[in-house]
C-alpha cells in the first residue's frame, strides 16, 4: 500500500477563546470546504497527530477551527505557527491548467529556448495573480504566473517552461 502524502492547507496563527479553538490562515480554498468530522493532521517532530474537526467558521482573513482534541487555551497556544495538513487524496480535483502549489514547488524552470533559470522555491498569492519565486545559486527571480509568461507545466518531467519578457531575465 502506498504511503499517504500530507499537504498543508493552513497555518495556526494563534489560540482563540478559552476552549482551545484556533485561528487559522488558510492556504487556498481547501480548508474552507471542510466539514465537521473530517480529519486533519499536525506534525509533531517526525510523528503526525490526527485531529477531528468539530466546527469551522469564517472570520476576517481566516477561520476559527475547533477540534475534538483540544479543550483549553493552553493546549491551543502550543500549536501557534504549526501547519494543518490533509491527505493529498482529500484535495478536490482542479480544472486542466490549474495546479496546487505543492505540485509546482521544486520544478526546474527553463526558458522556452531551454535555458535553465533555477528551481521554483515558493509561490506567493497576490490580488491579481500568483508570483513564482525561482532561485539558482546566483540570484532569485520573481515571475508572474500569467498565461503570457507560463508556456508549459510538465509535472511528469519536472519542468516549468516560461517566456520571460525582456528585462525580467
N, C-alpha and C. Protein backbone atom coordinates (compact mmCIF):
# COMPACT_ATOMS: atom_id res chain seq x y z
N UNK A 1 0.83 -1.18 0.00
CA UNK A 1 0.00 0.00 0.00
C UNK A 1 0.88 1.25 0.00
N UNK A 2 0.53 2.22 -0.85
CA UNK A 2 1.32 3.45 -0.95
C UNK A 2 1.09 4.32 0.28
N UNK A 3 2.16 4.89 0.79
CA UNK A 3 2.07 5.78 1.95
C UNK A 3 1.37 7.07 1.54
N UNK A 4 0.47 7.56 2.39
CA UNK A 4 -0.27 8.77 2.05
C UNK A 4 0.66 9.98 2.07
N UNK A 5 0.28 10.97 1.31
CA UNK A 5 1.05 12.21 1.22
C UNK A 5 0.21 13.30 1.86
N UNK A 6 0.78 13.99 2.83
CA UNK A 6 0.07 15.07 3.50
C UNK A 6 0.44 16.41 2.88
N UNK A 7 -0.56 17.27 2.75
CA UNK A 7 -0.39 18.58 2.13
C UNK A 7 -0.90 19.64 3.09
N UNK A 8 -0.13 20.71 3.26
CA UNK A 8 -0.54 21.80 4.15
C UNK A 8 -1.71 22.56 3.53
N UNK A 9 -2.74 22.82 4.37
CA UNK A 9 -3.90 23.59 3.92
C UNK A 9 -4.09 24.86 4.74
N UNK A 10 -3.25 25.06 5.77
CA UNK A 10 -3.34 26.26 6.58
C UNK A 10 -2.31 26.27 7.69
N UNK A 11 -2.16 27.45 8.32
CA UNK A 11 -1.21 27.61 9.42
C UNK A 11 -1.93 28.21 10.61
N UNK A 12 -1.67 27.66 11.79
CA UNK A 12 -2.27 28.16 13.02
C UNK A 12 -1.63 29.50 13.37
N UNK A 13 -2.45 30.54 13.47
CA UNK A 13 -1.96 31.87 13.82
C UNK A 13 -1.88 32.06 15.32
N UNK A 14 -2.92 31.58 16.03
CA UNK A 14 -2.95 31.74 17.48
C UNK A 14 -4.14 30.98 18.05
N UNK A 15 -4.15 30.87 19.37
CA UNK A 15 -5.31 30.30 20.07
C UNK A 15 -6.43 31.34 20.03
N UNK A 16 -7.68 30.85 20.08
CA UNK A 16 -8.83 31.74 20.04
C UNK A 16 -9.82 31.30 21.11
N UNK A 17 -10.13 32.17 22.03
CA UNK A 17 -11.08 31.83 23.09
C UNK A 17 -10.43 30.96 24.15
N UNK A 18 -11.22 30.55 25.14
CA UNK A 18 -10.67 29.78 26.26
C UNK A 18 -10.87 28.28 26.11
N UNK A 19 -11.59 27.83 25.08
CA UNK A 19 -11.90 26.40 24.93
C UNK A 19 -11.02 25.68 23.91
N UNK A 20 -9.93 26.28 23.49
CA UNK A 20 -9.00 25.58 22.63
C UNK A 20 -9.23 25.71 21.14
N UNK A 21 -10.00 26.72 20.72
CA UNK A 21 -10.17 26.95 19.29
C UNK A 21 -8.90 27.58 18.72
N UNK A 22 -8.75 27.49 17.41
CA UNK A 22 -7.56 28.00 16.74
C UNK A 22 -7.93 28.99 15.65
N UNK A 23 -7.21 30.09 15.56
CA UNK A 23 -7.35 30.99 14.41
C UNK A 23 -6.37 30.47 13.36
N UNK A 24 -6.89 30.19 12.15
CA UNK A 24 -6.09 29.55 11.11
C UNK A 24 -6.09 30.40 9.84
N UNK A 25 -4.90 30.59 9.28
CA UNK A 25 -4.74 31.24 7.98
C UNK A 25 -4.78 30.14 6.93
N UNK A 26 -5.78 30.14 6.03
CA UNK A 26 -5.87 29.08 5.03
C UNK A 26 -4.88 29.29 3.89
N UNK A 27 -4.42 28.18 3.32
CA UNK A 27 -3.66 28.20 2.08
C UNK A 27 -4.64 27.77 1.00
N UNK A 28 -5.06 28.66 0.16
CA UNK A 28 -6.03 28.30 -0.87
C UNK A 28 -7.42 28.11 -0.28
N UNK A 29 -8.25 27.29 -0.96
CA UNK A 29 -9.65 27.16 -0.61
C UNK A 29 -10.02 25.83 0.03
N UNK A 30 -9.10 24.89 0.12
CA UNK A 30 -9.42 23.54 0.59
C UNK A 30 -9.97 23.54 2.01
N UNK A 31 -9.35 24.25 2.91
CA UNK A 31 -9.77 24.25 4.31
C UNK A 31 -11.22 24.72 4.44
N UNK A 32 -11.60 25.74 3.70
CA UNK A 32 -12.94 26.29 3.77
C UNK A 32 -14.03 25.32 3.37
N UNK A 33 -13.70 24.29 2.63
CA UNK A 33 -14.68 23.30 2.20
C UNK A 33 -14.81 22.12 3.15
N UNK A 34 -14.11 22.15 4.26
CA UNK A 34 -14.14 21.02 5.18
C UNK A 34 -15.33 21.12 6.13
N UNK A 35 -15.79 19.95 6.59
CA UNK A 35 -16.96 19.87 7.45
C UNK A 35 -16.63 19.12 8.73
N UNK A 36 -17.52 19.24 9.71
CA UNK A 36 -17.35 18.55 10.99
C UNK A 36 -17.14 17.06 10.75
N UNK A 37 -16.23 16.49 11.53
CA UNK A 37 -15.92 15.06 11.42
C UNK A 37 -14.73 14.75 10.53
N UNK A 38 -14.31 15.71 9.71
CA UNK A 38 -13.18 15.46 8.82
C UNK A 38 -11.88 15.44 9.60
N UNK A 39 -10.92 14.69 9.06
CA UNK A 39 -9.62 14.50 9.72
C UNK A 39 -8.58 15.42 9.10
N UNK A 40 -7.84 16.09 9.98
CA UNK A 40 -6.68 16.88 9.60
C UNK A 40 -5.52 16.38 10.42
N UNK A 41 -4.33 16.85 10.12
CA UNK A 41 -3.14 16.37 10.81
C UNK A 41 -2.23 17.53 11.17
N UNK A 42 -1.43 17.31 12.21
CA UNK A 42 -0.35 18.19 12.62
C UNK A 42 0.91 17.36 12.68
N UNK A 43 2.03 17.93 12.33
CA UNK A 43 3.30 17.23 12.51
C UNK A 43 3.90 17.66 13.84
N UNK A 44 4.28 16.66 14.63
CA UNK A 44 4.96 16.91 15.89
C UNK A 44 6.28 16.15 15.83
N UNK A 45 7.31 16.88 15.41
CA UNK A 45 8.59 16.22 15.14
C UNK A 45 8.42 15.38 13.89
N UNK A 46 8.72 14.08 13.99
CA UNK A 46 8.55 13.19 12.85
C UNK A 46 7.22 12.43 12.90
N UNK A 47 6.45 12.65 13.97
CA UNK A 47 5.17 11.97 14.11
C UNK A 47 4.04 12.89 13.68
N UNK A 48 3.00 12.27 13.13
CA UNK A 48 1.82 13.05 12.78
C UNK A 48 0.72 12.80 13.82
N UNK A 49 0.00 13.85 14.11
CA UNK A 49 -1.09 13.78 15.07
C UNK A 49 -2.39 14.04 14.33
N UNK A 50 -3.34 13.13 14.46
CA UNK A 50 -4.63 13.27 13.79
C UNK A 50 -5.57 14.12 14.62
N UNK A 51 -6.29 15.02 13.95
CA UNK A 51 -7.26 15.89 14.59
C UNK A 51 -8.62 15.69 13.93
N UNK A 52 -9.69 15.82 14.71
CA UNK A 52 -11.05 15.70 14.18
C UNK A 52 -11.73 17.06 14.27
N UNK A 53 -12.14 17.58 13.14
CA UNK A 53 -12.77 18.89 13.07
C UNK A 53 -14.17 18.83 13.68
N UNK A 54 -14.45 19.74 14.60
CA UNK A 54 -15.77 19.84 15.22
C UNK A 54 -16.57 20.96 14.55
N UNK A 55 -15.90 22.09 14.33
CA UNK A 55 -16.58 23.25 13.77
C UNK A 55 -15.56 24.14 13.09
N UNK A 56 -15.99 24.77 12.00
CA UNK A 56 -15.13 25.71 11.26
C UNK A 56 -16.00 26.89 10.88
N UNK A 57 -15.57 28.07 11.28
CA UNK A 57 -16.33 29.26 10.89
C UNK A 57 -15.38 30.32 10.34
N UNK A 58 -15.89 31.02 9.36
CA UNK A 58 -15.11 32.05 8.68
C UNK A 58 -14.96 33.27 9.58
N UNK A 59 -13.78 33.86 9.52
CA UNK A 59 -13.51 35.11 10.22
C UNK A 59 -12.59 35.92 9.32
N UNK A 60 -12.50 37.21 9.55
CA UNK A 60 -11.67 38.07 8.72
C UNK A 60 -10.31 37.43 8.45
N UNK A 61 -9.99 37.25 7.18
CA UNK A 61 -8.71 36.69 6.72
C UNK A 61 -8.36 35.35 7.36
N UNK A 62 -9.35 34.51 7.55
CA UNK A 62 -9.05 33.19 8.08
C UNK A 62 -10.27 32.47 8.60
N UNK A 63 -10.01 31.48 9.44
CA UNK A 63 -11.07 30.66 10.01
C UNK A 63 -10.80 30.45 11.50
N UNK A 64 -11.86 30.19 12.23
CA UNK A 64 -11.75 29.71 13.59
C UNK A 64 -12.10 28.23 13.53
N UNK A 65 -11.15 27.38 13.92
CA UNK A 65 -11.33 25.93 13.86
C UNK A 65 -11.38 25.36 15.27
N UNK A 66 -12.34 24.48 15.50
CA UNK A 66 -12.43 23.77 16.77
C UNK A 66 -12.23 22.28 16.50
N UNK A 67 -11.41 21.64 17.34
CA UNK A 67 -11.10 20.22 17.19
C UNK A 67 -11.43 19.47 18.47
N UNK A 68 -11.85 18.22 18.32
CA UNK A 68 -12.17 17.36 19.47
C UNK A 68 -11.01 17.27 20.45
N UNK A 69 -9.81 17.29 19.95
CA UNK A 69 -8.62 17.01 20.75
C UNK A 69 -8.18 18.15 21.67
N UNK A 70 -8.75 19.35 21.51
CA UNK A 70 -8.31 20.50 22.30
C UNK A 70 -9.48 21.07 23.09
N UNK A 71 -9.25 21.25 24.39
CA UNK A 71 -10.31 21.77 25.26
C UNK A 71 -9.89 23.00 26.04
N UNK A 72 -8.64 23.42 25.91
CA UNK A 72 -8.19 24.59 26.68
C UNK A 72 -7.31 25.49 25.82
N UNK A 73 -7.24 26.72 26.25
CA UNK A 73 -6.40 27.70 25.56
C UNK A 73 -4.93 27.31 25.65
N UNK A 74 -4.53 26.68 26.76
CA UNK A 74 -3.12 26.29 26.92
C UNK A 74 -2.72 25.25 25.88
N UNK A 75 -3.58 24.28 25.61
CA UNK A 75 -3.30 23.28 24.57
C UNK A 75 -3.20 23.95 23.20
N UNK A 76 -4.12 24.86 22.94
CA UNK A 76 -4.16 25.52 21.64
C UNK A 76 -2.94 26.42 21.42
N UNK A 77 -2.48 27.10 22.46
CA UNK A 77 -1.33 28.00 22.33
C UNK A 77 -0.08 27.28 21.82
N UNK A 78 0.08 26.02 22.19
CA UNK A 78 1.26 25.25 21.78
C UNK A 78 1.30 25.01 20.27
N UNK A 79 0.21 25.25 19.59
CA UNK A 79 0.13 24.96 18.16
C UNK A 79 0.42 26.17 17.28
N UNK A 80 0.62 27.33 17.87
CA UNK A 80 0.89 28.54 17.09
C UNK A 80 2.06 28.31 16.14
N UNK A 81 1.83 28.64 14.87
CA UNK A 81 2.87 28.50 13.85
C UNK A 81 2.88 27.16 13.15
N UNK A 82 2.16 26.16 13.67
CA UNK A 82 2.15 24.84 13.04
C UNK A 82 1.18 24.82 11.86
N UNK A 83 1.47 23.94 10.91
CA UNK A 83 0.62 23.81 9.74
C UNK A 83 -0.40 22.69 9.94
N UNK A 84 -1.61 22.93 9.42
CA UNK A 84 -2.64 21.91 9.37
C UNK A 84 -2.53 21.21 8.02
N UNK A 85 -2.59 19.90 8.03
CA UNK A 85 -2.38 19.10 6.83
C UNK A 85 -3.58 18.20 6.56
N UNK A 86 -3.77 17.86 5.30
CA UNK A 86 -4.76 16.86 4.91
C UNK A 86 -4.09 15.87 3.97
N UNK A 87 -4.71 14.72 3.84
CA UNK A 87 -4.21 13.73 2.89
C UNK A 87 -4.40 14.29 1.48
N UNK A 88 -3.41 14.12 0.64
CA UNK A 88 -3.46 14.63 -0.73
C UNK A 88 -4.70 14.16 -1.47
N UNK A 89 -5.15 12.95 -1.18
CA UNK A 89 -6.33 12.40 -1.85
C UNK A 89 -7.60 13.15 -1.47
N UNK A 90 -7.58 13.93 -0.40
CA UNK A 90 -8.74 14.69 0.06
C UNK A 90 -8.92 15.98 -0.76
N UNK A 91 -7.88 16.40 -1.47
CA UNK A 91 -7.96 17.64 -2.24
C UNK A 91 -8.89 17.47 -3.44
N UNK A 92 -9.72 18.46 -3.71
CA UNK A 92 -10.59 18.36 -4.87
C UNK A 92 -9.78 18.47 -6.16
N UNK A 93 -10.23 17.79 -7.21
CA UNK A 93 -9.51 17.89 -8.48
C UNK A 93 -9.63 19.32 -9.04
N UNK A 94 -8.58 19.73 -9.73
CA UNK A 94 -8.56 21.07 -10.32
C UNK A 94 -8.85 20.98 -11.82
N UNK A 95 -9.35 22.05 -12.40
CA UNK A 95 -9.53 22.07 -13.85
C UNK A 95 -8.19 21.97 -14.57
N UNK A 96 -8.22 21.54 -15.82
CA UNK A 96 -7.00 21.47 -16.63
C UNK A 96 -6.30 22.83 -16.62
N UNK A 97 -4.98 22.79 -16.47
CA UNK A 97 -4.19 24.00 -16.50
C UNK A 97 -4.04 24.69 -15.15
N UNK A 98 -4.69 24.14 -14.10
CA UNK A 98 -4.52 24.68 -12.75
C UNK A 98 -3.81 23.66 -11.90
N UNK A 99 -3.00 24.15 -10.94
CA UNK A 99 -2.16 23.26 -10.14
C UNK A 99 -2.16 23.72 -8.69
N UNK A 100 -1.96 22.77 -7.79
CA UNK A 100 -1.74 23.11 -6.40
C UNK A 100 -0.29 23.56 -6.26
N UNK A 101 -0.05 24.45 -5.31
CA UNK A 101 1.31 24.97 -5.10
C UNK A 101 2.31 23.85 -4.84
N UNK A 102 1.92 22.85 -4.04
CA UNK A 102 2.87 21.77 -3.72
C UNK A 102 3.28 21.00 -4.97
N UNK A 103 2.45 21.01 -6.01
CA UNK A 103 2.82 20.33 -7.25
C UNK A 103 3.88 21.11 -8.03
N UNK A 104 3.90 22.42 -7.87
CA UNK A 104 4.81 23.27 -8.63
C UNK A 104 6.16 23.48 -7.95
N UNK A 105 6.14 23.56 -6.62
CA UNK A 105 7.38 23.81 -5.89
C UNK A 105 8.35 22.66 -6.11
N UNK A 106 9.57 23.02 -6.53
CA UNK A 106 10.59 22.02 -6.83
C UNK A 106 10.79 21.78 -8.31
N UNK A 107 9.90 22.30 -9.16
CA UNK A 107 10.07 22.13 -10.60
C UNK A 107 11.28 22.92 -11.09
N UNK A 108 11.96 22.38 -12.08
CA UNK A 108 13.05 23.11 -12.75
C UNK A 108 12.41 24.08 -13.72
N UNK A 109 12.84 25.33 -13.68
CA UNK A 109 12.28 26.36 -14.54
C UNK A 109 13.27 26.65 -15.66
N UNK A 110 12.77 26.61 -16.89
CA UNK A 110 13.59 26.85 -18.07
C UNK A 110 12.88 27.83 -18.99
N UNK A 111 13.67 28.53 -19.81
CA UNK A 111 13.07 29.41 -20.80
C UNK A 111 12.51 28.56 -21.93
N UNK A 112 11.72 29.18 -22.80
CA UNK A 112 11.16 28.42 -23.93
C UNK A 112 12.26 27.92 -24.86
N UNK A 113 13.46 28.53 -24.78
CA UNK A 113 14.60 28.07 -25.56
C UNK A 113 15.37 26.96 -24.85
N UNK A 114 14.99 26.63 -23.61
CA UNK A 114 15.63 25.56 -22.87
C UNK A 114 16.72 26.00 -21.90
N UNK A 115 16.93 27.30 -21.75
CA UNK A 115 17.96 27.81 -20.84
C UNK A 115 17.47 27.66 -19.40
N UNK A 116 18.26 27.00 -18.54
CA UNK A 116 17.83 26.82 -17.14
C UNK A 116 17.86 28.14 -16.37
N UNK A 117 16.81 28.38 -15.58
CA UNK A 117 16.73 29.59 -14.77
C UNK A 117 16.87 29.29 -13.29
N UNK A 118 16.53 28.07 -12.89
CA UNK A 118 16.60 27.71 -11.48
C UNK A 118 15.47 26.79 -11.09
N UNK A 119 15.17 26.77 -9.81
CA UNK A 119 14.15 25.89 -9.26
C UNK A 119 13.06 26.74 -8.63
N UNK A 120 11.81 26.37 -8.86
CA UNK A 120 10.69 27.08 -8.26
C UNK A 120 10.68 26.76 -6.77
N UNK A 121 10.92 27.77 -5.93
CA UNK A 121 11.07 27.58 -4.48
C UNK A 121 9.83 27.94 -3.69
N UNK A 122 9.01 28.88 -4.21
CA UNK A 122 7.83 29.31 -3.46
C UNK A 122 6.83 29.93 -4.42
N UNK A 123 5.59 30.03 -3.95
CA UNK A 123 4.52 30.68 -4.70
C UNK A 123 3.87 31.69 -3.78
N UNK A 124 3.81 32.95 -4.22
CA UNK A 124 3.14 34.00 -3.46
C UNK A 124 1.80 34.29 -4.12
N UNK A 125 0.76 34.35 -3.33
CA UNK A 125 -0.55 34.72 -3.84
C UNK A 125 -0.69 36.23 -3.71
N UNK A 126 -1.08 36.88 -4.81
CA UNK A 126 -1.35 38.31 -4.78
C UNK A 126 -2.78 38.52 -5.26
N UNK A 127 -3.25 39.76 -5.17
CA UNK A 127 -4.62 40.04 -5.57
C UNK A 127 -4.86 39.75 -7.05
N UNK A 128 -3.88 40.01 -7.90
CA UNK A 128 -4.07 39.83 -9.34
C UNK A 128 -3.72 38.45 -9.85
N UNK A 129 -2.60 37.90 -9.40
CA UNK A 129 -2.12 36.61 -9.88
C UNK A 129 -1.03 36.12 -8.94
N UNK A 130 -0.72 34.84 -9.04
CA UNK A 130 0.37 34.29 -8.24
C UNK A 130 1.71 34.78 -8.80
N UNK A 131 2.72 34.73 -7.94
CA UNK A 131 4.09 35.06 -8.34
C UNK A 131 4.97 33.88 -7.94
N UNK A 132 5.75 33.37 -8.89
CA UNK A 132 6.65 32.25 -8.64
C UNK A 132 8.03 32.77 -8.27
N UNK A 133 8.58 32.22 -7.20
CA UNK A 133 9.94 32.56 -6.78
C UNK A 133 10.86 31.47 -7.31
N UNK A 134 11.75 31.86 -8.22
CA UNK A 134 12.67 30.92 -8.85
C UNK A 134 14.08 31.29 -8.41
N UNK A 135 14.80 30.31 -7.87
CA UNK A 135 16.14 30.59 -7.35
C UNK A 135 17.17 29.67 -7.99
N UNK A 136 18.36 30.24 -8.20
CA UNK A 136 19.54 29.45 -8.56
C UNK A 136 20.66 29.93 -7.66
N UNK A 137 21.89 29.46 -7.90
CA UNK A 137 22.97 29.82 -6.98
C UNK A 137 23.34 31.30 -7.04
N UNK A 138 22.99 31.99 -8.11
CA UNK A 138 23.37 33.39 -8.28
C UNK A 138 22.31 34.39 -7.84
N UNK A 139 21.05 34.09 -8.12
CA UNK A 139 20.01 35.09 -7.87
C UNK A 139 18.64 34.45 -7.73
N UNK A 140 17.68 35.33 -7.44
CA UNK A 140 16.30 34.92 -7.30
C UNK A 140 15.47 35.73 -8.30
N UNK A 141 14.57 35.06 -9.00
CA UNK A 141 13.68 35.73 -9.95
C UNK A 141 12.26 35.65 -9.42
N UNK A 142 11.50 36.72 -9.61
CA UNK A 142 10.08 36.72 -9.31
C UNK A 142 9.35 36.74 -10.64
N UNK A 143 8.63 35.67 -10.93
CA UNK A 143 7.99 35.50 -12.22
C UNK A 143 6.47 35.53 -12.05
N UNK A 144 5.79 36.47 -12.71
CA UNK A 144 4.32 36.50 -12.64
C UNK A 144 3.75 35.23 -13.27
N UNK A 145 2.81 34.61 -12.58
CA UNK A 145 2.19 33.38 -13.09
C UNK A 145 0.99 33.76 -13.94
N UNK A 146 1.29 34.26 -15.13
CA UNK A 146 0.23 34.64 -16.06
C UNK A 146 0.40 33.88 -17.37
N UNK A 147 -0.68 33.76 -18.08
CA UNK A 147 -0.71 32.94 -19.30
C UNK A 147 0.32 33.36 -20.34
N UNK A 148 0.59 34.66 -20.45
CA UNK A 148 1.57 35.15 -21.44
C UNK A 148 2.99 34.71 -21.12
N UNK A 149 3.27 34.38 -19.87
CA UNK A 149 4.63 34.03 -19.45
C UNK A 149 4.81 32.53 -19.24
N UNK A 150 3.84 31.86 -18.66
CA UNK A 150 3.94 30.43 -18.39
C UNK A 150 3.55 29.66 -19.65
N UNK A 151 4.51 29.02 -20.27
CA UNK A 151 4.27 28.30 -21.53
C UNK A 151 3.78 26.87 -21.31
N UNK A 152 4.43 26.18 -20.38
CA UNK A 152 4.13 24.76 -20.21
C UNK A 152 4.51 24.30 -18.80
N UNK A 153 3.62 23.51 -18.21
CA UNK A 153 3.90 22.88 -16.93
C UNK A 153 3.92 21.38 -17.18
N UNK A 154 5.06 20.76 -16.93
CA UNK A 154 5.23 19.32 -17.12
C UNK A 154 5.54 18.68 -15.77
N UNK A 155 4.48 18.28 -15.06
CA UNK A 155 4.68 17.69 -13.74
C UNK A 155 5.43 16.37 -13.82
N UNK A 156 5.16 15.58 -14.84
CA UNK A 156 5.84 14.29 -15.00
C UNK A 156 7.32 14.49 -15.26
N UNK A 157 7.66 15.44 -16.11
CA UNK A 157 9.07 15.72 -16.44
C UNK A 157 9.74 16.64 -15.43
N UNK A 158 8.96 17.26 -14.56
CA UNK A 158 9.53 18.12 -13.52
C UNK A 158 10.00 19.47 -14.00
N UNK A 159 9.36 20.00 -15.07
CA UNK A 159 9.80 21.29 -15.59
C UNK A 159 8.64 22.27 -15.77
N UNK A 160 9.01 23.53 -15.70
CA UNK A 160 8.10 24.63 -15.97
C UNK A 160 8.78 25.49 -17.01
N UNK A 161 8.16 25.65 -18.16
CA UNK A 161 8.74 26.42 -19.26
C UNK A 161 8.10 27.80 -19.29
N UNK A 162 8.98 28.84 -19.37
CA UNK A 162 8.49 30.22 -19.36
C UNK A 162 9.02 31.03 -20.53
N UNK A 163 8.28 32.05 -20.90
CA UNK A 163 8.68 33.01 -21.93
C UNK A 163 8.77 34.36 -21.23
N UNK A 164 9.98 34.68 -20.74
CA UNK A 164 10.16 35.91 -19.97
C UNK A 164 10.23 37.12 -20.88
N UNK A 165 9.54 38.20 -20.50
CA UNK A 165 9.66 39.43 -21.27
C UNK A 165 11.04 40.04 -21.05
N UNK A 166 11.45 40.85 -21.98
CA UNK A 166 12.76 41.50 -21.87
C UNK A 166 12.81 42.29 -20.58
N UNK A 167 13.92 42.22 -19.89
CA UNK A 167 14.10 42.94 -18.65
C UNK A 167 13.81 42.11 -17.41
N UNK A 168 13.11 41.00 -17.55
CA UNK A 168 12.79 40.17 -16.40
C UNK A 168 13.89 39.13 -16.15
N UNK A 169 14.70 38.87 -17.17
CA UNK A 169 15.77 37.87 -17.02
C UNK A 169 16.85 38.47 -16.20
